[in-house]
Amino acid sequence: MNIPVYGLILQVLFILSITVFNFIRIYVMEQFNVYPVAFFELFLGLASFVCGIYGILKRVNPLISIFVSLFGVLICVFFVFVYLLPEAGIPPAIPWFYSE
């Protein structure tokens, strides 16, 4: 298997974690904190982005590599919107940008 396919597998894992296995995410958030779930999702996004960029640079399946890198960026943007930005006066889950 080549590197962009690994990125695609990471993205499928991300989609499954926020849809089918959402109960695991909720359990971890309730028992521990939001940080493990958030950083796991950020890791999936960054790792798939790196796999896509590697595939673009090495010219391995260019169409899949571009898709993987763009979807990796979207996963990172998802991380920013869900965990780092406040919503309607509610402070963000991870207060890096907005301290109280």
PDB file of N, CA and C in Angstrom:
ATOM      1  N   MET A   1       0.843  -1.181   0.000  1.00  0.00           N
ATOM      2  CA  MET A   1       0.000   0.000   0.000  1.00  0.00           C
ATOM      3  C   MET A   1       0.885   1.241   0.000  1.00  0.00           C
ATOM      4  N   ASN A   2       0.437   2.258  -0.689  1.00  0.00           N
ATOM      5  CA  ASN A   2       1.224   3.480  -0.714  1.00  0.00           C
ATOM      6  C   ASN A   2       0.714   4.476   0.327  1.00  0.00           C
ATOM      7  N   ILE A   3       1.453   5.538   0.498  1.00  0.00           N
ATOM      8  CA  ILE A   3       1.208   6.500   1.572  1.00  0.00           C
ATOM      9  C   ILE A   3      -0.160   7.191   1.465  1.00  0.00           C
ATOM     10  N   PRO A   4      -0.619   7.662   0.296  1.00  0.00           N
ATOM     11  CA  PRO A   4      -1.945   8.294   0.266  1.00  0.00           C
ATOM     12  C   PRO A   4      -3.079   7.367   0.696  1.00  0.00           C
ATOM     13  N   VAL A   5      -2.921   6.080   0.498  1.00  0.00           N
ATOM     14  CA  VAL A   5      -3.953   5.142   0.947  1.00  0.00           C
ATOM     15  C   VAL A   5      -3.981   5.094   2.473  1.00  0.00           C
ATOM     16  N   TYR A   6      -2.822   5.212   3.115  1.00  0.00           N
ATOM     17  CA  TYR A   6      -2.801   5.300   4.581  1.00  0.00           C
ATOM     18  C   TYR A   6      -3.545   6.543   5.057  1.00  0.00           C
ATOM     19  N   GLY A   7      -3.351   7.659   4.360  1.00  0.00           N
ATOM     20  CA  GLY A   7      -4.094   8.870   4.697  1.00  0.00           C
ATOM     21  C   GLY A   7      -5.583   8.682   4.520  1.00  0.00           C
ATOM     22  N   LEU A   8      -5.974   7.969   3.475  1.00  0.00           N
ATOM     23  CA  LEU A   8      -7.386   7.684   3.244  1.00  0.00           C
ATOM     24  C   LEU A   8      -7.948   6.795   4.349  1.00  0.00           C
ATOM     25  N   ILE A   9      -7.161   5.840   4.816  1.00  0.00           N
ATOM     26  CA  ILE A   9      -7.588   4.978   5.927  1.00  0.00           C
ATOM     27  C   ILE A   9      -7.765   5.801   7.202  1.00  0.00           C
ATOM     28  N   LEU A  10      -6.860   6.749   7.452  1.00  0.00           N
ATOM     29  CA  LEU A  10      -6.999   7.623   8.619  1.00  0.00           C
ATOM     30  C   LEU A  10      -8.271   8.461   8.526  1.00  0.00           C
ATOM     31  N   GLN A  11      -8.606   8.910   7.330  1.00  0.00           N
ATOM     32  CA  GLN A  11      -9.813   9.710   7.163  1.00  0.00           C
ATOM     33  C   GLN A  11     -11.073   8.877   7.347  1.00  0.00           C
ATOM     34  N   VAL A  12     -11.046   7.645   6.888  1.00  0.00           N
ATOM     35  CA  VAL A  12     -12.184   6.750   7.133  1.00  0.00           C
ATOM     36  C   VAL A  12     -12.319   6.492   8.629  1.00  0.00           C
ATOM     37  N   LEU A  13     -11.203   6.357   9.328  1.00  0.00           N
ATOM     38  CA  LEU A  13     -11.234   6.198  10.784  1.00  0.00           C
ATOM     39  C   LEU A  13     -11.843   7.427  11.452  1.00  0.00           C
ATOM     40  N   PHE A  14     -11.523   8.620  10.949  1.00  0.00           N
ATOM     41  CA  PHE A  14     -12.111   9.849  11.489  1.00  0.00           C
ATOM     42  C   PHE A  14     -13.622   9.867  11.279  1.00  0.00           C
ATOM     43  N   ILE A  15     -14.058   9.556  10.069  1.00  0.00           N
ATOM     44  CA  ILE A  15     -15.495   9.549   9.771  1.00  0.00           C
ATOM     45  C   ILE A  15     -16.220   8.525  10.640  1.00  0.00           C
ATOM     46  N   LEU A  16     -15.625   7.352  10.804  1.00  0.00           N
ATOM     47  CA  LEU A  16     -16.246   6.336  11.657  1.00  0.00           C
ATOM     48  C   LEU A  16     -16.283   6.772  13.116  1.00  0.00           C
ATOM     49  N   SER A  17     -15.255   7.489  13.560  1.00  0.00           N
ATOM     50  CA  SER A  17     -15.219   7.899  14.967  1.00  0.00           C
ATOM     51  C   SER A  17     -16.250   8.968  15.283  1.00  0.00           C
ATOM     52  N   ILE A  18     -16.625   9.794  14.306  1.00  0.00           N
ATOM     53  CA  ILE A  18     -17.628  10.822  14.606  1.00  0.00           C
ATOM     54  C   ILE A  18     -19.039  10.377  14.235  1.00  0.00           C
ATOM     55  N   THR A  19     -19.186   9.218  13.603  1.00  0.00           N
ATOM     56  CA  THR A  19     -20.529   8.744  13.260  1.00  0.00           C
ATOM     57  C   THR A  19     -20.856   7.440  13.986  1.00  0.00           C
ATOM     58  N   VAL A  20     -20.237   6.359  13.578  1.00  0.00           N
ATOM     59  CA  VAL A  20     -20.591   5.038  14.099  1.00  0.00           C
ATOM     60  C   VAL A  20     -20.120   4.855  15.539  1.00  0.00           C
ATOM     61  N   PHE A  21     -18.888   5.263  15.821  1.00  0.00           N
ATOM     62  CA  PHE A  21     -18.319   5.073  17.153  1.00  0.00           C
ATOM     63  C   PHE A  21     -18.380   6.344  17.992  1.00  0.00           C
ATOM     64  N   ASN A  22     -19.418   7.142  17.803  1.00  0.00           N
ATOM     65  CA  ASN A  22     -19.554   8.381  18.565  1.00  0.00           C
ATOM     66  C   ASN A  22     -19.750   8.102  20.056  1.00  0.00           C
ATOM     67  N   PHE A  23     -20.332   6.979  20.391  1.00  0.00           N
ATOM     68  CA  PHE A  23     -20.527   6.648  21.803  1.00  0.00           C
ATOM     69  C   PHE A  23     -19.192   6.511  22.530  1.00  0.00           C
ATOM     70  N   ILE A  24     -18.146   6.078  21.833  1.00  0.00           N
ATOM     71  CA  ILE A  24     -16.821   5.984  22.452  1.00  0.00           C
ATOM     72  C   ILE A  24     -16.278   7.380  22.723  1.00  0.00           C
ATOM     73  N   ARG A  25     -16.456   8.291  21.762  1.00  0.00           N
ATOM     74  CA  ARG A  25     -16.022   9.683  21.956  1.00  0.00           C
ATOM     75  C   ARG A  25     -16.721  10.291  23.168  1.00  0.00           C
ATOM     76  N   ILE A  26     -18.023  10.085  23.260  1.00  0.00           N
ATOM     77  CA  ILE A  26     -18.791  10.653  24.366  1.00  0.00           C
ATOM     78  C   ILE A  26     -18.354  10.043  25.689  1.00  0.00           C
ATOM     79  N   TYR A  27     -18.113   8.744  25.718  1.00  0.00           N
ATOM     80  CA  TYR A  27     -17.662   8.087  26.941  1.00  0.00           C
ATOM     81  C   TYR A  27     -16.320   8.649  27.398  1.00  0.00           C
ATOM     82  N   VAL A  28     -15.389   8.817  26.471  1.00  0.00           N
ATOM     83  CA  VAL A  28     -14.070   9.360  26.828  1.00  0.00           C
ATOM     84  C   VAL A  28     -14.205  10.797  27.313  1.00  0.00           C
ATOM     85  N   MET A  29     -15.062  11.589  26.664  1.00  0.00           N
ATOM     86  CA  MET A  29     -15.256  12.974  27.107  1.00  0.00           C
ATOM     87  C   MET A  29     -15.873  13.039  28.492  1.00  0.00           C
ATOM     88  N   GLU A  30     -16.810  12.145  28.792  1.00  0.00           N
ATOM     89  CA  GLU A  30     -17.450  12.155  30.105  1.00  0.00           C
ATOM     90  C   GLU A  30     -16.524  11.642  31.196  1.00  0.00           C
ATOM     91  N   GLN A  31     -15.745  10.604  30.915  1.00  0.00           N
ATOM     92  CA  GLN A  31     -14.895  10.003  31.932  1.00  0.00           C
ATOM     93  C   GLN A  31     -13.605  10.778  32.162  1.00  0.00           C
ATOM     94  N   PHE A  32     -13.036  11.312  31.092  1.00  0.00           N
ATOM     95  CA  PHE A  32     -11.740  11.972  31.214  1.00  0.00           C
ATOM     96  C   PHE A  32     -11.864  13.465  30.952  1.00  0.00           C
ATOM     97  N   ASN A  33     -11.786  13.844  29.701  1.00  0.00           N
ATOM     98  CA  ASN A  33     -11.809  15.249  29.336  1.00  0.00           C
ATOM     99  C   ASN A  33     -12.002  15.328  27.831  1.00  0.00           C
ATOM    100  N   VAL A  34     -12.083  16.540  27.326  1.00  0.00           N
ATOM    101  CA  VAL A  34     -12.239  16.730  25.887  1.00  0.00           C
ATOM    102  C   VAL A  34     -10.888  16.649  25.169  1.00  0.00           C
ATOM    103  N   TYR A  35      -9.800  16.801  25.898  1.00  0.00           N
ATOM    104  CA  TYR A  35      -8.474  16.851  25.280  1.00  0.00           C
ATOM    105  C   TYR A  35      -8.073  15.575  24.536  1.00  0.00           C
ATOM    106  N   PRO A  36      -8.252  14.368  25.082  1.00  0.00           N
ATOM    107  CA  PRO A  36      -7.843  13.180  24.312  1.00  0.00           C
ATOM    108  C   PRO A  36      -8.590  13.037  22.991  1.00  0.00           C
ATOM    109  N   VAL A  37      -9.879  13.311  23.004  1.00  0.00           N
ATOM    110  CA  VAL A  37     -10.675  13.198  21.780  1.00  0.00           C
ATOM    111  C   VAL A  37     -10.251  14.259  20.776  1.00  0.00           C
ATOM    112  N   ALA A  38     -10.066  15.479  21.257  1.00  0.00           N
ATOM    113  CA  ALA A  38      -9.697  16.578  20.360  1.00  0.00           C
ATOM    114  C   ALA A  38      -8.329  16.348  19.736  1.00  0.00           C
ATOM    115  N   PHE A  39      -7.370  15.939  20.532  1.00  0.00           N
ATOM    116  CA  PHE A  39      -6.029  15.739  19.981  1.00  0.00           C
ATOM    117  C   PHE A  39      -5.947  14.495  19.101  1.00  0.00           C
ATOM    118  N   PHE A  40      -6.778  13.492  19.362  1.00  0.00           N
ATOM    119  CA  PHE A  40      -6.844  12.339  18.466  1.00  0.00           C
ATOM    120  C   PHE A  40      -7.372  12.762  17.096  1.00  0.00           C
ATOM    121  N   GLU A  41      -8.415  13.596  17.089  1.00  0.00           N
ATOM    122  CA  GLU A  41      -8.957  14.077  15.819  1.00  0.00           C
ATOM    123  C   GLU A  41      -7.972  14.995  15.108  1.00  0.00           C
ATOM    124  N   LEU A  42      -7.265  15.825  15.862  1.00  0.00           N
ATOM    125  CA  LEU A  42      -6.257  16.685  15.245  1.00  0.00           C
ATOM    126  C   LEU A  42      -5.113  15.851  14.677  1.00  0.00           C
ATOM    127  N   PHE A  43      -4.715  14.805  15.391  1.00  0.00           N
ATOM    128  CA  PHE A  43      -3.675  13.915  14.880  1.00  0.00           C
ATOM    129  C   PHE A  43      -4.111  13.254  13.576  1.00  0.00           C
ATOM    130  N   LEU A  44      -5.358  12.785  13.515  1.00  0.00           N
ATOM    131  CA  LEU A  44      -5.847  12.160  12.288  1.00  0.00           C
ATOM    132  C   LEU A  44      -5.824  13.149  11.129  1.00  0.00           C
ATOM    133  N   GLY A  45      -6.211  14.393  11.395  1.00  0.00           N
ATOM    134  CA  GLY A  45      -6.209  15.404  10.344  1.00  0.00           C
ATOM    135  C   GLY A  45      -4.818  15.746   9.867  1.00  0.00           C
ATOM    136  N   LEU A  46      -3.904  15.968  10.809  1.00  0.00           N
ATOM    137  CA  LEU A  46      -2.535  16.326  10.417  1.00  0.00           C
ATOM    138  C   LEU A  46      -1.814  15.161   9.741  1.00  0.00           C
ATOM    139  N   ALA A  47      -2.014  13.952  10.245  1.00  0.00           N
ATOM    140  CA  ALA A  47      -1.347  12.794   9.642  1.00  0.00           C
ATOM    141  C   ALA A  47      -1.864  12.532   8.233  1.00  0.00           C
ATOM    142  N   SER A  48      -3.160  12.676   8.026  1.00  0.00           N
ATOM    143  CA  SER A  48      -3.680  12.463   6.675  1.00  0.00           C
ATOM    144  C   SER A  48      -3.244  13.581   5.743  1.00  0.00           C
ATOM    145  N   PHE A  49      -3.135  14.807   6.257  1.00  0.00           N
ATOM    146  CA  PHE A  49      -2.628  15.913   5.437  1.00  0.00           C
ATOM    147  C   PHE A  49      -1.184  15.659   5.016  1.00  0.00           C
ATOM    148  N   VAL A  50      -0.371  15.198   5.952  1.00  0.00           N
ATOM    149  CA  VAL A  50       1.030  14.899   5.633  1.00  0.00           C
ATOM    150  C   VAL A  50       1.120  13.759   4.621  1.00  0.00           C
ATOM    151  N   CYS A  51       0.276  12.740   4.763  1.00  0.00           N
ATOM    152  CA  CYS A  51       0.268  11.642   3.788  1.00  0.00           C
ATOM    153  C   CYS A  51      -0.122  12.144   2.407  1.00  0.00           C
ATOM    154  N   GLY A  52      -1.091  13.048   2.349  1.00  0.00           N
ATOM    155  CA  GLY A  52      -1.497  13.598   1.063  1.00  0.00           C
ATOM    156  C   GLY A  52      -0.420  14.447   0.424  1.00  0.00           C
ATOM    157  N   ILE A  53       0.247  15.279   1.218  1.00  0.00           N
ATOM    158  CA  ILE A  53       1.328  16.118   0.690  1.00  0.00           C
ATOM    159  C   ILE A  53       2.492  15.248   0.229  1.00  0.00           C
ATOM    160  N   TYR A  54       2.795  14.208   0.975  1.00  0.00           N
ATOM    161  CA  TYR A  54       3.856  13.285   0.563  1.00  0.00           C
ATOM    162  C   TYR A  54       3.512  12.637  -0.779  1.00  0.00           C
ATOM    163  N   GLY A  55       2.264  12.239  -0.931  1.00  0.00           N
ATOM    164  CA  GLY A  55       1.839  11.643  -2.192  1.00  0.00           C
ATOM    165  C   GLY A  55       1.896  12.622  -3.349  1.00  0.00           C
ATOM    166  N   ILE A  56       1.583  13.888  -3.083  1.00  0.00           N
ATOM    167  CA  ILE A  56       1.671  14.905  -4.137  1.00  0.00           C
ATOM    168  C   ILE A  56       3.120  15.128  -4.535  1.00  0.00           C
ATOM    169  N   LEU A  57       4.000  15.220  -3.551  1.00  0.00           N
ATOM    170  CA  LEU A  57       5.412  15.466  -3.856  1.00  0.00           C
ATOM    171  C   LEU A  57       6.055  14.286  -4.573  1.00  0.00           C
ATOM    172  N   LYS A  58       5.685  13.070  -4.200  1.00  0.00           N
ATOM    173  CA  LYS A  58       6.257  11.877  -4.830  1.00  0.00           C
ATOM    174  C   LYS A  58       5.481  11.449  -6.076  1.00  0.00           C
ATOM    175  N   ARG A  59       4.405  12.168  -6.404  1.00  0.00           N
ATOM    176  CA  ARG A  59       3.562  11.885  -7.575  1.00  0.00           C
ATOM    177  C   ARG A  59       3.005  10.460  -7.550  1.00  0.00           C
ATOM    178  N   VAL A  60       2.500  10.075  -6.382  1.00  0.00           N
ATOM    179  CA  VAL A  60       1.869   8.766  -6.206  1.00  0.00           C
ATOM    180  C   VAL A  60       0.360   8.991  -6.171  1.00  0.00           C
ATOM    181  N   ASN A  61      -0.354   8.468  -7.153  1.00  0.00           N
ATOM    182  CA  ASN A  61      -1.808   8.658  -7.260  1.00  0.00           C
ATOM    183  C   ASN A  61      -2.190  10.119  -7.014  1.00  0.00           C
ATOM    184  N   PRO A  62      -1.919  11.008  -7.952  1.00  0.00           N
ATOM    185  CA  PRO A  62      -2.111  12.438  -7.700  1.00  0.00           C
ATOM    186  C   PRO A  62      -3.538  12.818  -7.316  1.00  0.00           C
ATOM    187  N   LEU A  63      -4.534  12.189  -7.913  1.00  0.00           N
ATOM    188  CA  LEU A  63      -5.913  12.538  -7.592  1.00  0.00           C
ATOM    189  C   LEU A  63      -6.258  12.153  -6.155  1.00  0.00           C
ATOM    190  N   ILE A  64      -5.871  10.960  -5.746  1.00  0.00           N
ATOM    191  CA  ILE A  64      -6.119  10.528  -4.370  1.00  0.00           C
ATOM    192  C   ILE A  64      -5.302  11.373  -3.395  1.00  0.00           C
ATOM    193  N   SER A  65      -4.083  11.726  -3.759  1.00  0.00           N
ATOM    194  CA  SER A  65      -3.233  12.529  -2.881  1.00  0.00           C
ATOM    195  C   SER A  65      -3.826  13.910  -2.650  1.00  0.00           C
ATOM    196  N   ILE A  66      -4.350  14.522  -3.701  1.00  0.00           N
ATOM    197  CA  ILE A  66      -4.974  15.843  -3.551  1.00  0.00           C
ATOM    198  C   ILE A  66      -6.223  15.738  -2.685  1.00  0.00           C
ATOM    199  N   PHE A  67      -7.035  14.712  -2.917  1.00  0.00           N
ATOM    200  CA  PHE A  67      -8.230  14.508  -2.097  1.00  0.00           C
ATOM    201  C   PHE A  67      -7.866  14.305  -0.634  1.00  0.00           C
ATOM    202  N   VAL A  68      -6.860  13.494  -0.374  1.00  0.00           N
ATOM    203  CA  VAL A  68      -6.447  13.203   1.004  1.00  0.00           C
ATOM    204  C   VAL A  68      -5.937  14.466   1.686  1.00  0.00           C
ATOM    205  N   SER A  69      -5.135  15.262   0.991  1.00  0.00           N
ATOM    206  CA  SER A  69      -4.603  16.474   1.615  1.00  0.00           C
ATOM    207  C   SER A  69      -5.707  17.498   1.860  1.00  0.00           C
ATOM    208  N   LEU A  70      -6.647  17.661   0.930  1.00  0.00           N
ATOM    209  CA  LEU A  70      -7.743  18.610   1.140  1.00  0.00           C
ATOM    210  C   LEU A  70      -8.661  18.165   2.273  1.00  0.00           C
ATOM    211  N   PHE A  71      -8.957  16.883   2.343  1.00  0.00           N
ATOM    212  CA  PHE A  71      -9.805  16.395   3.425  1.00  0.00           C
ATOM    213  C   PHE A  71      -9.079  16.475   4.768  1.00  0.00           C
ATOM    214  N   GLY A  72      -7.756  16.323   4.764  1.00  0.00           N
ATOM    215  CA  GLY A  72      -6.983  16.515   5.988  1.00  0.00           C
ATOM    216  C   GLY A  72      -7.067  17.946   6.487  1.00  0.00           C
ATOM    217  N   VAL A  73      -7.037  18.901   5.565  1.00  0.00           N
ATOM    218  CA  VAL A  73      -7.205  20.308   5.944  1.00  0.00           C
ATOM    219  C   VAL A  73      -8.602  20.528   6.513  1.00  0.00           C
ATOM    220  N   LEU A  74      -9.611  19.914   5.908  1.00  0.00           N
ATOM    221  CA  LEU A  74     -10.973  20.056   6.424  1.00  0.00           C
ATOM    222  C   LEU A  74     -11.117  19.461   7.825  1.00  0.00           C
ATOM    223  N   ILE A  75     -10.423  18.384   8.108  1.00  0.00           N
ATOM    224  CA  ILE A  75     -10.459  17.808   9.456  1.00  0.00           C
ATOM    225  C   ILE A  75      -9.824  18.775  10.455  1.00  0.00           C
ATOM    226  N   CYS A  76      -8.732  19.428  10.070  1.00  0.00           N
ATOM    227  CA  CYS A  76      -8.094  20.406  10.952  1.00  0.00           C
ATOM    228  C   CYS A  76      -8.987  21.625  11.164  1.00  0.00           C
ATOM    229  N   VAL A  77      -9.692  22.061  10.122  1.00  0.00           N
ATOM    230  CA  VAL A  77     -10.642  23.171  10.260  1.00  0.00           C
ATOM    231  C   VAL A  77     -11.797  22.756  11.166  1.00  0.00           C
ATOM    232  N   PHE A  78     -12.235  21.514  11.059  1.00  0.00           N
ATOM    233  CA  PHE A  78     -13.253  20.983  11.965  1.00  0.00           C
ATOM    234  C   PHE A  78     -12.782  21.079  13.414  1.00  0.00           C
ATOM    235  N   PHE A  79     -11.528  20.720  13.653  1.00  0.00           N
ATOM    236  CA  PHE A  79     -10.959  20.814  15.000  1.00  0.00           C
ATOM    237  C   PHE A  79     -11.030  22.247  15.517  1.00  0.00           C
ATOM    238  N   VAL A  80     -10.662  23.207  14.676  1.00  0.00           N
ATOM    239  CA  VAL A  80     -10.664  24.613  15.098  1.00  0.00           C
ATOM    240  C   VAL A  80     -12.079  25.072  15.420  1.00  0.00           C
ATOM    241  N   PHE A  81     -13.035  24.786  14.549  1.00  0.00           N
ATOM    242  CA  PHE A  81     -14.400  25.251  14.772  1.00  0.00           C
ATOM    243  C   PHE A  81     -15.064  24.572  15.960  1.00  0.00           C
ATOM    244  N   VAL A  82     -14.822  23.306  16.152  1.00  0.00           N
ATOM    245  CA  VAL A  82     -15.515  22.589  17.222  1.00  0.00           C
ATOM    246  C   VAL A  82     -14.883  22.846  18.582  1.00  0.00           C
ATOM    247  N   TYR A  83     -13.560  22.859  18.654  1.00  0.00           N
ATOM    248  CA  TYR A  83     -12.907  22.878  19.959  1.00  0.00           C
ATOM    249  C   TYR A  83     -12.289  24.218  20.357  1.00  0.00           C
ATOM    250  N   LEU A  84     -11.977  25.088  19.419  1.00  0.00           N
ATOM    251  CA  LEU A  84     -11.238  26.300  19.764  1.00  0.00           C
ATOM    252  C   LEU A  84     -12.045  27.587  19.698  1.00  0.00           C
ATOM    253  N   LEU A  85     -13.200  27.591  19.056  1.00  0.00           N
ATOM    254  CA  LEU A  85     -13.979  28.816  18.915  1.00  0.00           C
ATOM    255  C   LEU A  85     -15.179  28.808  19.856  1.00  0.00           C
ATOM    256  N   PRO A  86     -15.494  29.965  20.458  1.00  0.00           N
ATOM    257  CA  PRO A  86     -16.671  30.030  21.332  1.00  0.00           C
ATOM    258  C   PRO A  86     -17.956  30.029  20.511  1.00  0.00           C
ATOM    259  N   GLU A  87     -19.057  29.710  21.189  1.00  0.00           N
ATOM    260  CA  GLU A  87     -20.336  29.645  20.494  1.00  0.00           C
ATOM    261  C   GLU A  87     -21.411  30.302  21.349  1.00  0.00           C
ATOM    262  N   ALA A  88     -21.965  31.412  20.872  1.00  0.00           N
ATOM    263  CA  ALA A  88     -23.093  32.106  21.499  1.00  0.00           C
ATOM    264  C   ALA A  88     -22.846  32.387  22.981  1.00  0.00           C
ATOM    265  N   GLY A  89     -21.684  32.893  23.298  1.00  0.00           N
ATOM    266  CA  GLY A  89     -21.365  33.239  24.669  1.00  0.00           C
ATOM    267  C   GLY A  89     -20.848  32.092  25.513  1.00  0.00           C
ATOM    268  N   ILE A  90     -20.876  30.884  24.996  1.00  0.00           N
ATOM    269  CA  ILE A  90     -20.342  29.726  25.708  1.00  0.00           C
ATOM    270  C   ILE A  90     -18.848  29.656  25.415  1.00  0.00           C
ATOM    271  N   PRO A  91     -18.011  29.551  26.425  1.00  0.00           N
ATOM    272  CA  PRO A  91     -16.568  29.499  26.157  1.00  0.00           C
ATOM    273  C   PRO A  91     -16.193  28.235  25.383  1.00  0.00           C
ATOM    274  N   PRO A  92     -15.074  28.281  24.674  1.00  0.00           N
ATOM    275  CA  PRO A  92     -14.669  27.115  23.885  1.00  0.00           C
ATOM    276  C   PRO A  92     -14.261  25.942  24.772  1.00  0.00           C
ATOM    277  N   ALA A  93     -14.291  24.760  24.189  1.00  0.00           N
ATOM    278  CA  ALA A  93     -13.922  23.551  24.936  1.00  0.00           C
ATOM    279  C   ALA A  93     -12.443  23.553  25.295  1.00  0.00           C
ATOM    280  N   ILE A  94     -11.614  24.072  24.403  1.00  0.00           N
ATOM    281  CA  ILE A  94     -10.178  24.196  24.652  1.00  0.00           C
ATOM    282  C   ILE A  94      -9.834  25.681  24.559  1.00  0.00           C
ATOM    283  N   PRO A  95      -9.626  26.351  25.685  1.00  0.00           N
ATOM    284  CA  PRO A  95      -9.437  27.812  25.661  1.00  0.00           C
ATOM    285  C   PRO A  95      -8.000  28.236  25.363  1.00  0.00           C
ATOM    286  N   TRP A  96      -7.518  27.970  24.162  1.00  0.00           N
ATOM    287  CA  TRP A  96      -6.185  28.421  23.782  1.00  0.00           C
ATOM    288  C   TRP A  96      -6.209  29.878  23.360  1.00  0.00           C
ATOM    289  N   PHE A  97      -7.221  30.262  22.587  1.00  0.00           N
ATOM    290  CA  PHE A  97      -7.292  31.617  22.057  1.00  0.00           C
ATOM    291  C   PHE A  97      -8.031  32.563  22.987  1.00  0.00           C
ATOM    292  N   TYR A  98      -8.982  32.044  23.764  1.00  0.00           N
ATOM    293  CA  TYR A  98      -9.818  32.866  24.623  1.00  0.00           C
ATOM    294  C   TYR A  98      -9.624  32.440  26.069  1.00  0.00           C
ATOM    295  N   SER A  99      -8.847  33.202  26.805  1.00  0.00           N
ATOM    296  CA  SER A  99      -8.670  32.886  28.224  1.00  0.00           C
ATOM    297  C   SER A  99      -9.691  33.679  29.029  1.00  0.00           C
ATOM    298  N   GLU A 100     -10.058  33.142  30.165  1.00  0.00           N
ATOM    299  CA  GLU A 100     -11.070  33.802  31.001  1.00  0.00           C
ATOM    300  C   GLU A 100     -10.435  34.747  31.977  1.00  0.00           C
TER     301      GLU A 100
END
